[in-house]
Amino acid sequence: MILPTKKLGQDKALLALGAEILSLLDETKTVSRLWSEAKQSRAKQLGNRMVTYDWFVLALTLLYMLGAVETENGRIKRQTK
């Protein structure tokens, strides 16, 4: 689930999706804006191999647990240390 396996392709692994999310976080964004941009980005790169909103939230949660992102006033931003 976090890493690709035989049954879970690299495009659906949470770590790969998390990397895509991080690449979109050039500024503080709402979750809905980030989801919209992630859908557009994946549609350009992968065509019809989209992920669901649930999978997106799992990847975002993983990034939060790893300390890669944080929330500020209800928006998501990259962690700055």
N, C-alpha and C. Protein backbone atom coordinates (compact mmCIF):
# COMPACT_ATOMS: atom_id res chain seq x y z
N MET A 1 0.81 -1.19 0.00
CA MET A 1 0.00 0.00 0.00
C MET A 1 0.87 1.26 0.00
N ILE A 2 1.85 1.28 0.85
CA ILE A 2 2.73 2.45 0.88
C ILE A 2 3.75 2.37 -0.25
N LEU A 3 4.30 1.20 -0.45
CA LEU A 3 5.26 0.96 -1.53
C LEU A 3 4.61 0.09 -2.60
N PRO A 4 5.10 0.15 -3.84
CA PRO A 4 4.54 -0.72 -4.88
C PRO A 4 4.82 -2.19 -4.59
N THR A 5 3.89 -3.04 -5.01
CA THR A 5 4.05 -4.48 -4.88
C THR A 5 3.69 -5.12 -6.21
N LYS A 6 3.61 -6.45 -6.22
CA LYS A 6 3.20 -7.13 -7.45
C LYS A 6 1.79 -6.74 -7.88
N LYS A 7 0.91 -6.58 -6.90
CA LYS A 7 -0.49 -6.28 -7.21
C LYS A 7 -0.81 -4.79 -7.20
N LEU A 8 0.07 -3.99 -6.64
CA LEU A 8 -0.15 -2.55 -6.57
C LEU A 8 0.93 -1.84 -7.37
N GLY A 9 0.53 -1.23 -8.47
CA GLY A 9 1.48 -0.57 -9.35
C GLY A 9 2.12 0.66 -8.73
N GLN A 10 3.18 1.09 -9.33
CA GLN A 10 3.93 2.24 -8.82
C GLN A 10 3.08 3.51 -8.85
N ASP A 11 2.20 3.63 -9.82
CA ASP A 11 1.37 4.83 -9.93
C ASP A 11 0.31 4.93 -8.83
N LYS A 12 0.04 3.83 -8.12
CA LYS A 12 -0.95 3.85 -7.04
C LYS A 12 -0.33 3.75 -5.65
N ALA A 13 0.96 3.56 -5.55
CA ALA A 13 1.61 3.48 -4.25
C ALA A 13 1.51 4.84 -3.55
N LEU A 14 1.23 4.80 -2.27
CA LEU A 14 1.03 6.04 -1.53
C LEU A 14 2.29 6.91 -1.51
N LEU A 15 3.45 6.30 -1.50
CA LEU A 15 4.69 7.07 -1.50
C LEU A 15 4.87 7.83 -2.81
N ALA A 16 4.54 7.21 -3.92
CA ALA A 16 4.65 7.88 -5.22
C ALA A 16 3.61 8.99 -5.34
N LEU A 17 2.39 8.73 -4.88
CA LEU A 17 1.36 9.75 -4.90
C LEU A 17 1.73 10.90 -3.97
N GLY A 18 2.31 10.58 -2.84
CA GLY A 18 2.77 11.62 -1.91
C GLY A 18 3.84 12.50 -2.53
N ALA A 19 4.73 11.91 -3.31
CA ALA A 19 5.75 12.69 -4.00
C ALA A 19 5.12 13.65 -5.01
N GLU A 20 4.09 13.19 -5.69
CA GLU A 20 3.38 14.07 -6.63
C GLU A 20 2.71 15.23 -5.89
N ILE A 21 2.13 14.93 -4.74
CA ILE A 21 1.48 15.96 -3.94
C ILE A 21 2.51 16.99 -3.48
N LEU A 22 3.65 16.52 -3.02
CA LEU A 22 4.70 17.44 -2.58
C LEU A 22 5.18 18.34 -3.71
N SER A 23 5.23 17.81 -4.91
CA SER A 23 5.67 18.62 -6.04
C SER A 23 4.68 19.73 -6.37
N LEU A 24 3.41 19.54 -5.99
CA LEU A 24 2.38 20.55 -6.24
C LEU A 24 2.31 21.60 -5.14
N LEU A 25 2.97 21.36 -4.02
CA LEU A 25 2.90 22.28 -2.89
C LEU A 25 3.98 23.36 -2.97
N ASP A 26 3.90 24.20 -3.98
CA ASP A 26 4.83 25.31 -4.09
C ASP A 26 4.39 26.49 -3.23
N GLU A 27 3.14 26.44 -2.77
CA GLU A 27 2.59 27.44 -1.86
C GLU A 27 1.53 26.76 -1.00
N THR A 28 1.08 27.44 0.04
CA THR A 28 0.03 26.90 0.90
C THR A 28 -1.27 26.79 0.10
N LYS A 29 -1.93 25.61 0.19
CA LYS A 29 -3.14 25.37 -0.60
C LYS A 29 -4.20 24.67 0.24
N THR A 30 -5.45 24.86 -0.16
CA THR A 30 -6.53 24.11 0.47
C THR A 30 -6.49 22.68 -0.04
N VAL A 31 -7.13 21.79 0.69
CA VAL A 31 -7.17 20.39 0.28
C VAL A 31 -7.91 20.25 -1.05
N SER A 32 -8.98 20.99 -1.23
CA SER A 32 -9.75 20.87 -2.47
C SER A 32 -8.94 21.38 -3.67
N ARG A 33 -8.19 22.43 -3.50
CA ARG A 33 -7.36 22.94 -4.59
C ARG A 33 -6.25 21.94 -4.91
N LEU A 34 -5.65 21.38 -3.87
CA LEU A 34 -4.59 20.39 -4.07
C LEU A 34 -5.14 19.15 -4.77
N TRP A 35 -6.33 18.70 -4.41
CA TRP A 35 -6.97 17.56 -5.05
C TRP A 35 -7.23 17.85 -6.52
N SER A 36 -7.74 19.03 -6.80
CA SER A 36 -8.02 19.42 -8.18
C SER A 36 -6.74 19.44 -9.03
N GLU A 37 -5.68 20.02 -8.49
CA GLU A 37 -4.41 20.07 -9.21
C GLU A 37 -3.80 18.69 -9.37
N ALA A 38 -3.96 17.84 -8.36
CA ALA A 38 -3.42 16.47 -8.44
C ALA A 38 -4.15 15.68 -9.53
N LYS A 39 -5.46 15.84 -9.61
CA LYS A 39 -6.23 15.15 -10.66
C LYS A 39 -5.78 15.60 -12.04
N GLN A 40 -5.61 16.90 -12.22
CA GLN A 40 -5.17 17.43 -13.51
C GLN A 40 -3.78 16.93 -13.86
N SER A 41 -2.89 16.94 -12.90
CA SER A 41 -1.52 16.49 -13.12
C SER A 41 -1.47 15.01 -13.51
N ARG A 42 -2.22 14.20 -12.78
CA ARG A 42 -2.23 12.75 -13.07
C ARG A 42 -2.90 12.46 -14.39
N ALA A 43 -3.92 13.23 -14.76
CA ALA A 43 -4.59 13.02 -16.04
C ALA A 43 -3.63 13.27 -17.19
N LYS A 44 -2.79 14.28 -17.06
CA LYS A 44 -1.80 14.58 -18.11
C LYS A 44 -0.74 13.50 -18.18
N GLN A 45 -0.29 13.01 -17.01
CA GLN A 45 0.81 12.06 -16.97
C GLN A 45 0.38 10.62 -17.22
N LEU A 46 -0.75 10.23 -16.63
CA LEU A 46 -1.11 8.81 -16.62
C LEU A 46 -2.39 8.48 -17.37
N GLY A 47 -3.05 9.46 -17.90
CA GLY A 47 -4.29 9.18 -18.63
C GLY A 47 -5.41 8.74 -17.72
N ASN A 48 -5.94 7.55 -17.94
CA ASN A 48 -7.12 7.10 -17.19
C ASN A 48 -6.78 6.37 -15.89
N ARG A 49 -5.53 6.31 -15.51
CA ARG A 49 -5.16 5.61 -14.27
C ARG A 49 -5.22 6.57 -13.09
N MET A 50 -6.41 7.05 -12.81
CA MET A 50 -6.62 8.01 -11.73
C MET A 50 -6.73 7.29 -10.39
N VAL A 51 -6.57 8.04 -9.33
CA VAL A 51 -6.79 7.51 -7.99
C VAL A 51 -8.04 8.17 -7.42
N THR A 52 -8.63 7.54 -6.44
CA THR A 52 -9.82 8.09 -5.82
C THR A 52 -9.43 9.14 -4.78
N TYR A 53 -10.42 9.89 -4.35
CA TYR A 53 -10.19 10.90 -3.32
C TYR A 53 -9.72 10.24 -2.02
N ASP A 54 -10.26 9.07 -1.72
CA ASP A 54 -9.84 8.34 -0.51
C ASP A 54 -8.34 8.03 -0.56
N TRP A 55 -7.87 7.61 -1.71
CA TRP A 55 -6.45 7.27 -1.87
C TRP A 55 -5.60 8.53 -1.74
N PHE A 56 -6.09 9.65 -2.28
CA PHE A 56 -5.42 10.93 -2.16
C PHE A 56 -5.29 11.34 -0.69
N VAL A 57 -6.36 11.18 0.07
CA VAL A 57 -6.34 11.53 1.49
C VAL A 57 -5.39 10.63 2.26
N LEU A 58 -5.32 9.36 1.90
CA LEU A 58 -4.36 8.46 2.54
C LEU A 58 -2.92 8.91 2.29
N ALA A 59 -2.64 9.32 1.07
CA ALA A 59 -1.29 9.81 0.75
C ALA A 59 -0.99 11.09 1.51
N LEU A 60 -1.97 11.97 1.62
CA LEU A 60 -1.80 13.21 2.37
C LEU A 60 -1.58 12.92 3.85
N THR A 61 -2.30 11.95 4.39
CA THR A 61 -2.12 11.53 5.77
C THR A 61 -0.73 10.95 5.99
N LEU A 62 -0.25 10.16 5.05
CA LEU A 62 1.09 9.61 5.14
C LEU A 62 2.13 10.74 5.19
N LEU A 63 1.98 11.73 4.33
CA LEU A 63 2.90 12.86 4.32
C LEU A 63 2.86 13.60 5.66
N TYR A 64 1.69 13.74 6.24
CA TYR A 64 1.55 14.41 7.52
C TYR A 64 2.24 13.60 8.62
N MET A 65 2.04 12.29 8.60
CA MET A 65 2.66 11.43 9.61
C MET A 65 4.18 11.42 9.49
N LEU A 66 4.68 11.55 8.27
CA LEU A 66 6.14 11.59 8.05
C LEU A 66 6.74 12.96 8.36
N GLY A 67 5.88 13.94 8.59
CA GLY A 67 6.36 15.28 8.89
C GLY A 67 6.74 16.08 7.67
N ALA A 68 6.26 15.67 6.50
CA ALA A 68 6.59 16.36 5.25
C ALA A 68 5.67 17.54 4.99
N VAL A 69 4.44 17.49 5.54
CA VAL A 69 3.49 18.58 5.38
C VAL A 69 2.91 18.93 6.75
N GLU A 70 2.35 20.13 6.82
CA GLU A 70 1.67 20.56 8.04
C GLU A 70 0.46 21.40 7.65
N THR A 71 -0.40 21.65 8.61
CA THR A 71 -1.57 22.47 8.35
C THR A 71 -1.37 23.84 8.97
N GLU A 72 -1.93 24.83 8.30
CA GLU A 72 -1.88 26.20 8.80
C GLU A 72 -3.18 26.88 8.39
N ASN A 73 -4.02 27.20 9.37
CA ASN A 73 -5.32 27.84 9.11
C ASN A 73 -6.16 27.04 8.12
N GLY A 74 -6.18 25.72 8.27
CA GLY A 74 -7.00 24.87 7.41
C GLY A 74 -6.43 24.63 6.02
N ARG A 75 -5.18 25.02 5.81
CA ARG A 75 -4.52 24.81 4.52
C ARG A 75 -3.30 23.92 4.71
N ILE A 76 -2.89 23.30 3.62
CA ILE A 76 -1.75 22.38 3.65
C ILE A 76 -0.53 23.09 3.11
N LYS A 77 0.61 22.92 3.78
CA LYS A 77 1.86 23.47 3.28
C LYS A 77 3.00 22.51 3.58
N ARG A 78 4.09 22.69 2.86
CA ARG A 78 5.27 21.87 3.13
C ARG A 78 5.81 22.20 4.50
N GLN A 79 6.35 21.19 5.15
CA GLN A 79 6.95 21.37 6.47
C GLN A 79 8.25 22.16 6.32
N THR A 80 8.41 23.18 7.12
CA THR A 80 9.67 23.94 7.14
C THR A 80 10.28 23.76 8.51
N LYS A 81 11.50 23.34 8.53
CA LYS A 81 12.17 23.09 9.82
C LYS A 81 13.25 24.09 10.06
